[in-house]
PDB file of all heavy atoms in Angstrom:
ATOM      1  N   LYS A   1     -62.893   2.118  72.506  1.00  0.00           N
ATOM      2  CA  LYS A   1     -62.431   1.811  73.805  1.00  0.00           C
ATOM      3  C   LYS A   1     -62.345   2.974  74.761  1.00  0.00           C
ATOM      4  O   LYS A   1     -62.639   2.948  75.953  1.00  0.00           O
ATOM      5  CB  LYS A   1     -61.024   1.207  73.747  1.00  0.00           C
ATOM      6  CG  LYS A   1     -60.503   0.585  75.073  1.00  0.00           C
ATOM      7  CD  LYS A   1     -59.203  -0.089  74.759  1.00  0.00           C
ATOM      8  CE  LYS A   1     -58.630  -0.655  76.190  1.00  0.00           C
ATOM      9  NZ  LYS A   1     -57.359  -1.296  75.924  1.00  0.00           N
ATOM     10  N   ALA A   2     -61.979   4.195  74.218  1.00  0.00           N
ATOM     11  CA  ALA A   2     -61.947   5.367  75.071  1.00  0.00           C
ATOM     12  C   ALA A   2     -63.314   6.022  75.303  1.00  0.00           C
ATOM     13  O   ALA A   2     -63.397   7.027  76.008  1.00  0.00           O
ATOM     14  CB  ALA A   2     -61.002   6.358  74.410  1.00  0.00           C
ATOM     15  N   SER A   3     -64.322   5.438  74.650  1.00  0.00           N
ATOM     16  CA  SER A   3     -65.654   5.996  74.801  1.00  0.00           C
ATOM     17  C   SER A   3     -65.736   7.406  74.429  1.00  0.00           C
ATOM     18  O   SER A   3     -66.553   8.215  75.087  1.00  0.00           O
ATOM     19  CB  SER A   3     -66.092   5.805  76.310  1.00  0.00           C
ATOM     20  OG  SER A   3     -66.070   4.519  76.726  1.00  0.00           O
ATOM     21  N   LEU A   4     -65.069   7.814  73.417  1.00  0.00           N
ATOM     22  CA  LEU A   4     -65.084   9.223  73.079  1.00  0.00           C
ATOM     23  C   LEU A   4     -65.730   9.387  71.632  1.00  0.00           C
ATOM     24  O   LEU A   4     -65.903  10.506  71.104  1.00  0.00           O
ATOM     25  CB  LEU A   4     -63.681   9.752  72.845  1.00  0.00           C
ATOM     26  CG  LEU A   4     -62.834   9.828  74.114  1.00  0.00           C
ATOM     27  CD1 LEU A   4     -61.344  10.240  73.871  1.00  0.00           C
ATOM     28  CD2 LEU A   4     -63.552  10.747  75.102  1.00  0.00           C
ATOM     29  N   GLN A   5     -66.277   8.249  71.167  1.00  0.00           N
ATOM     30  CA  GLN A   5     -66.872   8.203  69.788  1.00  0.00           C
ATOM     31  C   GLN A   5     -68.297   8.846  69.835  1.00  0.00           C
ATOM     32  O   GLN A   5     -69.167   8.443  70.569  1.00  0.00           O
ATOM     33  CB  GLN A   5     -67.004   6.852  69.314  1.00  0.00           C
ATOM     34  CG  GLN A   5     -67.203   6.731  67.765  1.00  0.00           C
ATOM     35  CD  GLN A   5     -67.049   5.217  67.415  1.00  0.00           C
ATOM     36  OE1 GLN A   5     -66.604   4.407  68.080  1.00  0.00           O
ATOM     37  NE2 GLN A   5     -67.432   4.998  66.161  1.00  0.00           N
ATOM     38  N   GLN A   6     -68.465   9.915  68.916  1.00  0.00           N
ATOM     39  CA  GLN A   6     -69.747  10.565  68.817  1.00  0.00           C
ATOM     40  C   GLN A   6     -70.360  10.203  67.431  1.00  0.00           C
ATOM     41  O   GLN A   6     -69.744   9.601  66.664  1.00  0.00           O
ATOM     42  CB  GLN A   6     -69.553  12.101  68.924  1.00  0.00           C
ATOM     43  CG  GLN A   6     -68.824  12.536  70.130  1.00  0.00           C
ATOM     44  CD  GLN A   6     -69.726  12.278  71.405  1.00  0.00           C
ATOM     45  OE1 GLN A   6     -70.858  12.381  71.379  1.00  0.00           O
ATOM     46  NE2 GLN A   6     -69.050  11.885  72.497  1.00  0.00           N
ATOM     47  N   LYS A   7     -71.574  10.599  67.282  1.00  0.00           N
ATOM     48  CA  LYS A   7     -72.236  10.314  66.053  1.00  0.00           C
ATOM     49  C   LYS A   7     -71.493  10.716  64.777  1.00  0.00           C
ATOM     50  O   LYS A   7     -71.462  10.073  63.828  1.00  0.00           O
ATOM     51  CB  LYS A   7     -73.678  10.830  66.055  1.00  0.00           C
ATOM     52  CG  LYS A   7     -74.645  10.122  67.034  1.00  0.00           C
ATOM     53  CD  LYS A   7     -76.050  10.639  66.880  1.00  0.00           C
ATOM     54  CE  LYS A   7     -76.986   9.864  67.894  1.00  0.00           C
ATOM     55  NZ  LYS A   7     -78.399  10.429  67.749  1.00  0.00           N
ATOM     56  N   TRP A   8     -71.032  12.003  64.846  1.00  0.00           N
ATOM     57  CA  TRP A   8     -70.252  12.474  63.697  1.00  0.00           C
ATOM     58  C   TRP A   8     -69.088  11.649  63.481  1.00  0.00           C
ATOM     59  O   TRP A   8     -68.633  11.471  62.261  1.00  0.00           O
ATOM     60  CB  TRP A   8     -69.994  13.954  63.767  1.00  0.00           C
ATOM     61  CG  TRP A   8     -68.929  14.253  64.892  1.00  0.00           C
ATOM     62  CD1 TRP A   8     -69.167  14.538  66.220  1.00  0.00           C
ATOM     63  CD2 TRP A   8     -67.514  14.329  64.652  1.00  0.00           C
ATOM     64  NE1 TRP A   8     -68.051  14.814  66.882  1.00  0.00           N
ATOM     65  CE2 TRP A   8     -67.012  14.700  66.042  1.00  0.00           C
ATOM     66  CE3 TRP A   8     -66.740  14.202  63.626  1.00  0.00           C
ATOM     67  CZ2 TRP A   8     -65.668  14.860  66.159  1.00  0.00           C
ATOM     68  CZ3 TRP A   8     -65.315  14.338  63.749  1.00  0.00           C
ATOM     69  CH2 TRP A   8     -64.761  14.674  64.983  1.00  0.00           C
ATOM     70  N   GLU A   9     -68.398  11.179  64.525  1.00  0.00           N
ATOM     71  CA  GLU A   9     -67.200  10.349  64.350  1.00  0.00           C
ATOM     72  C   GLU A   9     -67.546   9.038  63.729  1.00  0.00           C
ATOM     73  O   GLU A   9     -66.819   8.489  62.915  1.00  0.00           O
ATOM     74  CB  GLU A   9     -66.485  10.114  65.656  1.00  0.00           C
ATOM     75  CG  GLU A   9     -65.908  11.392  66.250  1.00  0.00           C
ATOM     76  CD  GLU A   9     -65.445  11.149  67.718  1.00  0.00           C
ATOM     77  OE1 GLU A   9     -66.043  10.510  68.452  1.00  0.00           O
ATOM     78  OE2 GLU A   9     -64.263  11.666  67.987  1.00  0.00           O
ATOM     79  N   GLU A  10     -68.655   8.423  64.169  1.00  0.00           N
ATOM     80  CA  GLU A  10     -69.096   7.149  63.637  1.00  0.00           C
ATOM     81  C   GLU A  10     -69.335   7.327  62.102  1.00  0.00           C
ATOM     82  O   GLU A  10     -69.014   6.426  61.292  1.00  0.00           O
ATOM     83  CB  GLU A  10     -70.394   6.740  64.306  1.00  0.00           C
ATOM     84  CG  GLU A  10     -70.084   6.303  65.791  1.00  0.00           C
ATOM     85  CD  GLU A  10     -71.402   5.892  66.482  1.00  0.00           C
ATOM     86  OE1 GLU A  10     -72.511   6.018  65.809  1.00  0.00           O
ATOM     87  OE2 GLU A  10     -71.340   5.415  67.623  1.00  0.00           O
ATOM     88  N   ALA A  11     -70.015   8.340  61.795  1.00  0.00           N
ATOM     89  CA  ALA A  11     -70.227   8.627  60.304  1.00  0.00           C
ATOM     90  C   ALA A  11     -69.006   8.836  59.566  1.00  0.00           C
ATOM     91  O   ALA A  11     -68.838   8.418  58.431  1.00  0.00           O
ATOM     92  CB  ALA A  11     -71.214   9.915  60.228  1.00  0.00           C
ATOM     93  N   SER A  12     -68.075   9.488  60.160  1.00  0.00           N
ATOM     94  CA  SER A  12     -66.696   9.700  59.524  1.00  0.00           C
ATOM     95  C   SER A  12     -66.116   8.396  59.226  1.00  0.00           C
ATOM     96  O   SER A  12     -65.600   8.051  58.172  1.00  0.00           O
ATOM     97  CB  SER A  12     -65.875  10.582  60.304  1.00  0.00           C
ATOM     98  OG  SER A  12     -64.517  10.631  59.760  1.00  0.00           O
ATOM     99  N   PHE A  13     -65.981   7.443  60.242  1.00  0.00           N
ATOM    100  CA  PHE A  13     -65.382   6.231  60.224  1.00  0.00           C
ATOM    101  C   PHE A  13     -66.156   5.384  59.123  1.00  0.00           C
ATOM    102  O   PHE A  13     -65.468   4.721  58.126  1.00  0.00           O
ATOM    103  CB  PHE A  13     -65.431   5.397  61.502  1.00  0.00           C
ATOM    104  CG  PHE A  13     -64.269   5.764  62.297  1.00  0.00           C
ATOM    105  CD1 PHE A  13     -64.569   6.348  63.613  1.00  0.00           C
ATOM    106  CD2 PHE A  13     -62.842   5.501  61.982  1.00  0.00           C
ATOM    107  CE1 PHE A  13     -63.452   6.775  64.432  1.00  0.00           C
ATOM    108  CE2 PHE A  13     -61.921   5.884  62.884  1.00  0.00           C
ATOM    109  CZ  PHE A  13     -62.214   6.544  64.082  1.00  0.00           C
ATOM    110  N   SER A  14     -67.399   5.389  59.059  1.00  0.00           N
ATOM    111  CA  SER A  14     -68.216   4.677  58.150  1.00  0.00           C
ATOM    112  C   SER A  14     -67.953   5.078  56.808  1.00  0.00           C
ATOM    113  O   SER A  14     -67.861   4.285  55.796  1.00  0.00           O
ATOM    114  CB  SER A  14     -69.717   4.859  58.413  1.00  0.00           C
ATOM    115  OG  SER A  14     -70.530   4.093  57.521  1.00  0.00           O
ATOM    116  N   THR A  15     -67.861   6.387  56.504  1.00  0.00           N
ATOM    117  CA  THR A  15     -67.547   6.922  55.190  1.00  0.00           C
ATOM    118  C   THR A  15     -66.211   6.521  54.673  1.00  0.00           C
ATOM    119  O   THR A  15     -66.023   6.032  53.555  1.00  0.00           O
ATOM    120  CB  THR A  15     -67.682   8.480  55.201  1.00  0.00           C
ATOM    121  OG1 THR A  15     -68.917   8.866  55.613  1.00  0.00           O
ATOM    122  CG2 THR A  15     -67.348   9.024  53.849  1.00  0.00           C
ATOM    123  N   ARG A  16     -65.195   6.553  55.602  1.00  0.00           N
ATOM    124  CA  ARG A  16     -63.886   6.202  55.193  1.00  0.00           C
ATOM    125  C   ARG A  16     -63.815   4.699  54.905  1.00  0.00           C
ATOM    126  O   ARG A  16     -63.159   4.320  53.929  1.00  0.00           O
ATOM    127  CB  ARG A  16     -62.915   6.518  56.286  1.00  0.00           C
ATOM    128  CG  ARG A  16     -62.708   8.092  56.387  1.00  0.00           C
ATOM    129  CD  ARG A  16     -62.200   8.545  57.636  1.00  0.00           C
ATOM    130  NE  ARG A  16     -60.781   7.999  57.911  1.00  0.00           N
ATOM    131  CZ  ARG A  16     -60.081   8.218  59.054  1.00  0.00           C
ATOM    132  NH1 ARG A  16     -60.738   8.593  60.104  1.00  0.00           N
ATOM    133  NH2 ARG A  16     -58.854   7.710  59.182  1.00  0.00           N
ATOM    134  N   PHE A  17     -64.500   3.929  55.669  1.00  0.00           N
ATOM    135  CA  PHE A  17     -64.463   2.397  55.375  1.00  0.00           C
ATOM    136  C   PHE A  17     -65.160   2.186  53.997  1.00  0.00           C
ATOM    137  O   PHE A  17     -64.663   1.344  53.246  1.00  0.00           O
ATOM    138  CB  PHE A  17     -65.393   1.594  56.458  1.00  0.00           C
ATOM    139  CG  PHE A  17     -64.536   1.308  57.693  1.00  0.00           C
ATOM    140  CD1 PHE A  17     -64.909   1.685  58.922  1.00  0.00           C
ATOM    141  CD2 PHE A  17     -63.374   0.601  57.595  1.00  0.00           C
ATOM    142  CE1 PHE A  17     -64.094   1.372  60.089  1.00  0.00           C
ATOM    143  CE2 PHE A  17     -62.591   0.204  58.700  1.00  0.00           C
ATOM    144  CZ  PHE A  17     -62.943   0.664  59.993  1.00  0.00           C
ATOM    145  N   LYS A  18     -66.311   2.840  53.759  1.00  0.00           N
ATOM    146  CA  LYS A  18     -66.940   2.591  52.514  1.00  0.00           C
ATOM    147  C   LYS A  18     -66.021   3.027  51.229  1.00  0.00           C
ATOM    148  O   LYS A  18     -66.165   2.497  50.173  1.00  0.00           O
ATOM    149  CB  LYS A  18     -68.209   3.325  52.466  1.00  0.00           C
ATOM    150  CG  LYS A  18     -69.361   2.781  53.394  1.00  0.00           C
ATOM    151  CD  LYS A  18     -70.617   3.464  53.431  1.00  0.00           C
ATOM    152  CE  LYS A  18     -71.594   2.823  54.297  1.00  0.00           C
ATOM    153  NZ  LYS A  18     -72.963   3.621  54.310  1.00  0.00           N
ATOM    154  N   GLU A  19     -65.306   4.102  51.558  1.00  0.00           N
ATOM    155  CA  GLU A  19     -64.475   4.639  50.439  1.00  0.00           C
ATOM    156  C   GLU A  19     -63.364   3.483  50.095  1.00  0.00           C
ATOM    157  O   GLU A  19     -63.260   3.254  48.886  1.00  0.00           O
ATOM    158  CB  GLU A  19     -63.626   5.859  50.884  1.00  0.00           C
ATOM    159  CG  GLU A  19     -64.595   7.140  50.818  1.00  0.00           C
ATOM    160  CD  GLU A  19     -63.893   8.327  51.363  1.00  0.00           C
ATOM    161  OE1 GLU A  19     -62.718   8.157  51.889  1.00  0.00           O
ATOM    162  OE2 GLU A  19     -64.454   9.472  51.391  1.00  0.00           O
ATOM    163  N   ILE A  20     -62.803   2.966  51.080  1.00  0.00           N
ATOM    164  CA  ILE A  20     -61.820   1.823  50.818  1.00  0.00           C
ATOM    165  C   ILE A  20     -62.473   0.621  50.264  1.00  0.00           C
ATOM    166  O   ILE A  20     -62.033   0.012  49.232  1.00  0.00           O
ATOM    167  CB  ILE A  20     -61.153   1.397  52.207  1.00  0.00           C
ATOM    168  CG1 ILE A  20     -60.403   2.603  52.807  1.00  0.00           C
ATOM    169  CG2 ILE A  20     -60.182   0.163  51.954  1.00  0.00           C
ATOM    170  CD1 ILE A  20     -59.788   2.317  54.086  1.00  0.00           C
ATOM    171  N   GLU A  21     -63.725   0.228  50.599  1.00  0.00           N
ATOM    172  CA  GLU A  21     -64.405  -0.916  49.982  1.00  0.00           C
ATOM    173  C   GLU A  21     -64.773  -0.619  48.520  1.00  0.00           C
ATOM    174  O   GLU A  21     -64.673  -1.502  47.788  1.00  0.00           O
ATOM    175  CB  GLU A  21     -65.670  -1.147  50.848  1.00  0.00           C
ATOM    176  CG  GLU A  21     -65.436  -1.738  52.137  1.00  0.00           C
ATOM    177  CD  GLU A  21     -66.748  -1.884  53.012  1.00  0.00           C
ATOM    178  OE1 GLU A  21     -67.781  -1.536  52.457  1.00  0.00           O
ATOM    179  OE2 GLU A  21     -66.663  -2.440  54.119  1.00  0.00           O
ATOM    180  N   TYR A  22     -65.040   0.722  48.289  1.00  0.00           N
ATOM    181  CA  TYR A  22     -65.401   1.065  46.859  1.00  0.00           C
ATOM    182  C   TYR A  22     -64.093   0.871  45.945  1.00  0.00           C
ATOM    183  O   TYR A  22     -64.118   0.370  44.950  1.00  0.00           O
ATOM    184  CB  TYR A  22     -65.926   2.492  46.802  1.00  0.00           C
ATOM    185  CG  TYR A  22     -66.255   2.860  45.389  1.00  0.00           C
ATOM    186  CD1 TYR A  22     -67.398   2.423  44.705  1.00  0.00           C
ATOM    187  CD2 TYR A  22     -65.338   3.745  44.672  1.00  0.00           C
ATOM    188  CE1 TYR A  22     -67.531   2.761  43.429  1.00  0.00           C
ATOM    189  CE2 TYR A  22     -65.620   4.160  43.441  1.00  0.00           C
ATOM    190  CZ  TYR A  22     -66.742   3.645  42.782  1.00  0.00           C
ATOM    191  OH  TYR A  22     -66.964   4.082  41.489  1.00  0.00           O
ATOM    192  N   ARG A  23     -62.996   1.357  46.551  1.00  0.00           N
ATOM    193  CA  ARG A  23     -61.725   1.295  45.826  1.00  0.00           C
ATOM    194  C   ARG A  23     -61.413  -0.167  45.629  1.00  0.00           C
ATOM    195  O   ARG A  23     -60.894  -0.581  44.445  1.00  0.00           O
ATOM    196  CB  ARG A  23     -60.579   1.849  46.600  1.00  0.00           C
ATOM    197  CG  ARG A  23     -60.617   3.428  46.461  1.00  0.00           C
ATOM    198  CD  ARG A  23     -59.926   4.104  47.657  1.00  0.00           C
ATOM    199  NE  ARG A  23     -58.670   3.623  47.951  1.00  0.00           N
ATOM    200  CZ  ARG A  23     -57.887   3.892  49.024  1.00  0.00           C
ATOM    201  NH1 ARG A  23     -58.466   4.768  49.827  1.00  0.00           N
ATOM    202  NH2 ARG A  23     -56.762   3.502  49.188  1.00  0.00           N
ATOM    203  N   LEU A  24     -61.624  -1.097  46.508  1.00  0.00           N
ATOM    204  CA  LEU A  24     -61.329  -2.554  46.252  1.00  0.00           C
ATOM    205  C   LEU A  24     -62.305  -3.063  45.192  1.00  0.00           C
ATOM    206  O   LEU A  24     -61.832  -3.900  44.370  1.00  0.00           O
ATOM    207  CB  LEU A  24     -61.446  -3.237  47.633  1.00  0.00           C
ATOM    208  CG  LEU A  24     -60.390  -3.189  48.621  1.00  0.00           C
ATOM    209  CD1 LEU A  24     -60.600  -4.083  49.858  1.00  0.00           C
ATOM    210  CD2 LEU A  24     -59.081  -3.512  48.044  1.00  0.00           C
ATOM    211  N   LYS A  25     -63.482  -2.621  45.291  1.00  0.00           N
ATOM    212  CA  LYS A  25     -64.460  -3.055  44.280  1.00  0.00           C
ATOM    213  C   LYS A  25     -64.073  -2.782  42.815  1.00  0.00           C
ATOM    214  O   LYS A  25     -64.129  -3.465  41.937  1.00  0.00           O
ATOM    215  CB  LYS A  25     -65.907  -2.520  44.493  1.00  0.00           C
ATOM    216  CG  LYS A  25     -66.985  -2.940  43.609  1.00  0.00           C
ATOM    217  CD  LYS A  25     -68.300  -2.373  44.001  1.00  0.00           C
ATOM    218  CE  LYS A  25     -69.413  -2.840  43.108  1.00  0.00           C
ATOM    219  NZ  LYS A  25     -70.824  -2.285  43.461  1.00  0.00           N
ATOM    220  N   MET A  26     -63.630  -1.548  42.736  1.00  0.00           N
ATOM    221  CA  MET A  26     -63.070  -1.045  41.403  1.00  0.00           C
ATOM    222  C   MET A  26     -61.821  -1.783  40.964  1.00  0.00           C
ATOM    223  O   MET A  26     -61.551  -2.219  39.841  1.00  0.00           O
ATOM    224  CB  MET A  26     -62.707   0.483  41.421  1.00  0.00           C
ATOM    225  CG  MET A  26     -63.990   1.301  41.535  1.00  0.00           C
ATOM    226  SD  MET A  26     -65.156   1.169  40.176  1.00  0.00           S
ATOM    227  CE  MET A  26     -66.445   0.093  40.892  1.00  0.00           C
ATOM    228  N   GLN A  27     -60.983  -2.124  42.023  1.00  0.00           N
ATOM    229  CA  GLN A  27     -59.781  -2.868  41.724  1.00  0.00           C
ATOM    230  C   GLN A  27     -60.150  -4.283  41.318  1.00  0.00           C
ATOM    231  O   GLN A  27     -59.402  -4.945  40.386  1.00  0.00           O
ATOM    232  CB  GLN A  27     -58.793  -2.937  42.989  1.00  0.00           C
ATOM    233  CG  GLN A  27     -57.465  -3.459  42.699  1.00  0.00           C
ATOM    234  CD  GLN A  27     -56.538  -3.330  43.838  1.00  0.00           C
ATOM    235  OE1 GLN A  27     -56.939  -3.242  44.984  1.00  0.00           O
ATOM    236  NE2 GLN A  27     -55.250  -3.335  43.436  1.00  0.00           N
ATOM    237  N   ARG A  28     -61.161  -4.942  41.838  1.00  0.00           N
ATOM    238  CA  ARG A  28     -61.509  -6.179  41.505  1.00  0.00           C
ATOM    239  C   ARG A  28     -61.913  -6.193  39.994  1.00  0.00           C
ATOM    240  O   ARG A  28     -61.516  -7.170  39.223  1.00  0.00           O
ATOM    241  CB  ARG A  28     -62.704  -6.765  42.280  1.00  0.00           C
ATOM    242  CG  ARG A  28     -62.299  -7.365  43.656  1.00  0.00           C
ATOM    243  CD  ARG A  28     -63.535  -7.730  44.398  1.00  0.00           C
ATOM    244  NE  ARG A  28     -64.355  -8.654  43.560  1.00  0.00           N
ATOM    245  CZ  ARG A  28     -65.544  -8.991  43.696  1.00  0.00           C
ATOM    246  NH1 ARG A  28     -66.277  -8.272  44.555  1.00  0.00           N
ATOM    247  NH2 ARG A  28     -66.236  -9.877  42.995  1.00  0.00           N
ATOM    248  N   LYS A  29     -62.599  -5.183  39.505  1.00  0.00           N
ATOM    249  CA  LYS A  29     -62.917  -5.071  38.130  1.00  0.00           C
ATOM    250  C   LYS A  29     -61.716  -4.994  37.231  1.00  0.00           C
ATOM    251  O   LYS A  29     -61.555  -5.647  36.183  1.00  0.00           O
ATOM    252  CB  LYS A  29     -63.890  -3.912  37.851  1.00  0.00           C
ATOM    253  CG  LYS A  29     -65.174  -4.072  38.527  1.00  0.00           C
ATOM    254  CD  LYS A  29     -66.184  -2.823  38.158  1.00  0.00           C
ATOM    255  CE  LYS A  29     -67.615  -3.093  38.827  1.00  0.00           C
ATOM    256  NZ  LYS A  29     -68.498  -1.901  38.541  1.00  0.00           N
ATOM    257  N   ARG A  30     -60.732  -4.251  37.714  1.00  0.00           N
ATOM    258  CA  ARG A  30     -59.475  -4.095  36.887  1.00  0.00           C
ATOM    259  C   ARG A  30     -58.737  -5.447  36.867  1.00  0.00           C
ATOM    260  O   ARG A  30     -58.149  -5.773  35.895  1.00  0.00           O
ATOM    261  CB  ARG A  30     -58.601  -2.974  37.497  1.00  0.00           C
ATOM    262  CG  ARG A  30     -59.183  -1.592  37.446  1.00  0.00           C
ATOM    263  CD  ARG A  30     -58.153  -0.483  37.649  1.00  0.00           C
ATOM    264  NE  ARG A  30     -57.462  -0.580  38.936  1.00  0.00           N
ATOM    265  CZ  ARG A  30     -57.995  -0.040  40.008  1.00  0.00           C
ATOM    266  NH1 ARG A  30     -59.071   0.654  40.114  1.00  0.00           N
ATOM    267  NH2 ARG A  30     -57.260  -0.212  41.234  1.00  0.00           N
ATOM    268  N   MET A  31     -58.758  -6.143  38.028  1.00  0.00           N
ATOM    269  CA  MET A  31     -58.087  -7.381  38.124  1.00  0.00           C
ATOM    270  C   MET A  31     -58.773  -8.379  37.205  1.00  0.00           C
ATOM    271  O   MET A  31     -58.050  -9.335  36.525  1.00  0.00           O
ATOM    272  CB  MET A  31     -58.118  -7.958  39.575  1.00  0.00           C
ATOM    273  CG  MET A  31     -57.120  -7.327  40.404  1.00  0.00           C
ATOM    274  SD  MET A  31     -55.402  -7.680  39.716  1.00  0.00           S
ATOM    275  CE  MET A  31     -55.372  -9.390  39.761  1.00  0.00           C
ATOM    276  N   ARG A  32     -60.072  -8.375  36.996  1.00  0.00           N
ATOM    277  CA  ARG A  32     -60.672  -9.291  35.982  1.00  0.00           C
ATOM    278  C   ARG A  32     -60.201  -9.026  34.648  1.00  0.00           C
ATOM    279  O   ARG A  32     -59.923 -10.055  33.939  1.00  0.00           O
ATOM    280  CB  ARG A  32     -62.272  -9.143  36.097  1.00  0.00           C
ATOM    281  CG  ARG A  32     -62.827  -9.852  37.245  1.00  0.00           C
ATOM    282  CD  ARG A  32     -64.354 -10.065  37.086  1.00  0.00           C
ATOM    283  NE  ARG A  32     -65.114  -8.836  37.167  1.00  0.00           N
ATOM    284  CZ  ARG A  32     -65.579  -8.326  38.288  1.00  0.00           C
ATOM    285  NH1 ARG A  32     -65.470  -8.913  39.429  1.00  0.00           N
ATOM    286  NH2 ARG A  32     -66.235  -7.171  38.342  1.00  0.00           N
ATOM    287  N   LEU A  33     -60.088  -7.804  34.247  1.00  0.00           N
ATOM    288  CA  LEU A  33     -59.538  -7.463  32.938  1.00  0.00           C
ATOM    289  C   LEU A  33     -58.028  -7.927  32.821  1.00  0.00           C
ATOM    290  O   LEU A  33     -57.793  -8.521  31.703  1.00  0.00           O
ATOM    291  CB  LEU A  33     -59.558  -5.990  32.749  1.00  0.00           C
ATOM    292  CG  LEU A  33     -61.030  -5.280  32.628  1.00  0.00           C
ATOM    293  CD1 LEU A  33     -60.888  -3.794  32.475  1.00  0.00           C
ATOM    294  CD2 LEU A  33     -61.690  -5.862  31.385  1.00  0.00           C
ATOM    295  N   LEU A  34     -57.352  -7.701  33.813  1.00  0.00           N
ATOM    296  CA  LEU A  34     -55.888  -8.249  33.777  1.00  0.00           C
ATOM    297  C   LEU A  34     -55.818  -9.730  33.730  1.00  0.00           C
ATOM    298  O   LEU A  34     -55.018 -10.265  32.955  1.00  0.00           O
ATOM    299  CB  LEU A  34     -55.236  -7.735  35.007  1.00  0.00           C
ATOM    300  CG  LEU A  34     -54.627  -6.299  34.977  1.00  0.00           C
ATOM    301  CD1 LEU A  34     -54.072  -5.940  36.263  1.00  0.00           C
ATOM    302  CD2 LEU A  34     -53.536  -6.217  33.865  1.00  0.00           C
ATOM    303  N   MET A  35     -56.676 -10.427  34.383  1.00  0.00           N
ATOM    304  CA  MET A  35     -56.599 -11.884  34.372  1.00  0.00           C
ATOM    305  C   MET A  35     -57.087 -12.420  32.975  1.00  0.00           C
ATOM    306  O   MET A  35     -56.562 -13.341  32.507  1.00  0.00           O
ATOM    307  CB  MET A  35     -57.533 -12.417  35.434  1.00  0.00           C
ATOM    308  CG  MET A  35     -57.006 -12.232  36.854  1.00  0.00           C
ATOM    309  SD  MET A  35     -58.031 -13.097  38.141  1.00  0.00           S
ATOM    310  CE  MET A  35     -57.821 -14.747  37.719  1.00  0.00           C
ATOM    311  N   ASN A  36     -58.086 -11.725  32.299  1.00  0.00           N
ATOM    312  CA  ASN A  36     -58.382 -12.120  30.939  1.00  0.00           C
ATOM    313  C   ASN A  36     -57.253 -11.861  30.045  1.00  0.00           C
ATOM    314  O   ASN A  36     -57.001 -12.730  29.200  1.00  0.00           O
ATOM    315  CB  ASN A  36     -59.588 -11.289  30.528  1.00  0.00           C
ATOM    316  CG  ASN A  36     -60.860 -11.627  31.178  1.00  0.00           C
ATOM    317  OD1 ASN A  36     -61.101 -12.829  31.649  1.00  0.00           O
ATOM    318  ND2 ASN A  36     -61.868 -10.710  31.350  1.00  0.00           N
ATOM    319  N   GLN A  37     -56.522 -10.770  30.198  1.00  0.00           N
ATOM    320  CA  GLN A  37     -55.425 -10.623  29.401  1.00  0.00           C
ATOM    321  C   GLN A  37     -54.276 -11.609  29.591  1.00  0.00           C
ATOM    322  O   GLN A  37     -53.597 -12.015  28.687  1.00  0.00           O
ATOM    323  CB  GLN A  37     -54.845  -9.130  29.586  1.00  0.00           C
ATOM    324  CG  GLN A  37     -55.852  -8.055  29.115  1.00  0.00           C
ATOM    325  CD  GLN A  37     -55.277  -6.658  29.577  1.00  0.00           C
ATOM    326  OE1 GLN A  37     -54.079  -6.485  29.716  1.00  0.00           O
ATOM    327  NE2 GLN A  37     -56.160  -5.692  29.433  1.00  0.00           N
ATOM    328  N   ALA A  38     -54.129 -11.984  30.881  1.00  0.00           N
ATOM    329  CA  ALA A  38     -53.142 -12.945  31.195  1.00  0.00           C
ATOM    330  C   ALA A  38     -53.454 -14.287  30.542  1.00  0.00           C
ATOM    331  O   ALA A  38     -52.578 -15.009  30.084  1.00  0.00           O
ATOM    332  CB  ALA A  38     -52.986 -13.111  32.776  1.00  0.00           C
ATOM    333  N   ARG A  39     -54.770 -14.643  30.529  1.00  0.00           N
ATOM    334  CA  ARG A  39     -55.178 -15.946  29.974  1.00  0.00           C
ATOM    335  C   ARG A  39     -55.013 -15.958  28.496  1.00  0.00           C
ATOM    336  O   ARG A  39     -54.567 -16.871  27.863  1.00  0.00           O
ATOM    337  CB  ARG A  39     -56.638 -16.189  30.395  1.00  0.00           C
ATOM    338  CG  ARG A  39     -56.991 -16.774  31.717  1.00  0.00           C
ATOM    339  CD  ARG A  39     -58.426 -17.248  31.868  1.00  0.00           C
ATOM    340  NE  ARG A  39     -59.241 -16.122  31.870  1.00  0.00           N
ATOM    341  CZ  ARG A  39     -59.762 -15.580  32.961  1.00  0.00           C
ATOM    342  NH1 ARG A  39     -59.226 -16.109  34.134  1.00  0.00           N
ATOM    343  NH2 ARG A  39     -60.572 -14.621  33.011  1.00  0.00           N
TER     344      ARG A  39
END
């Protein structure tokens, strides 16, 4: 909104978003194991 975003900032945001998405992906795998144990 402030029109201050530069290419390096875009890359930084993208990297941080991907890091969170990767953490969720790993958490989904752990959750599958937990659900199997719960069953």
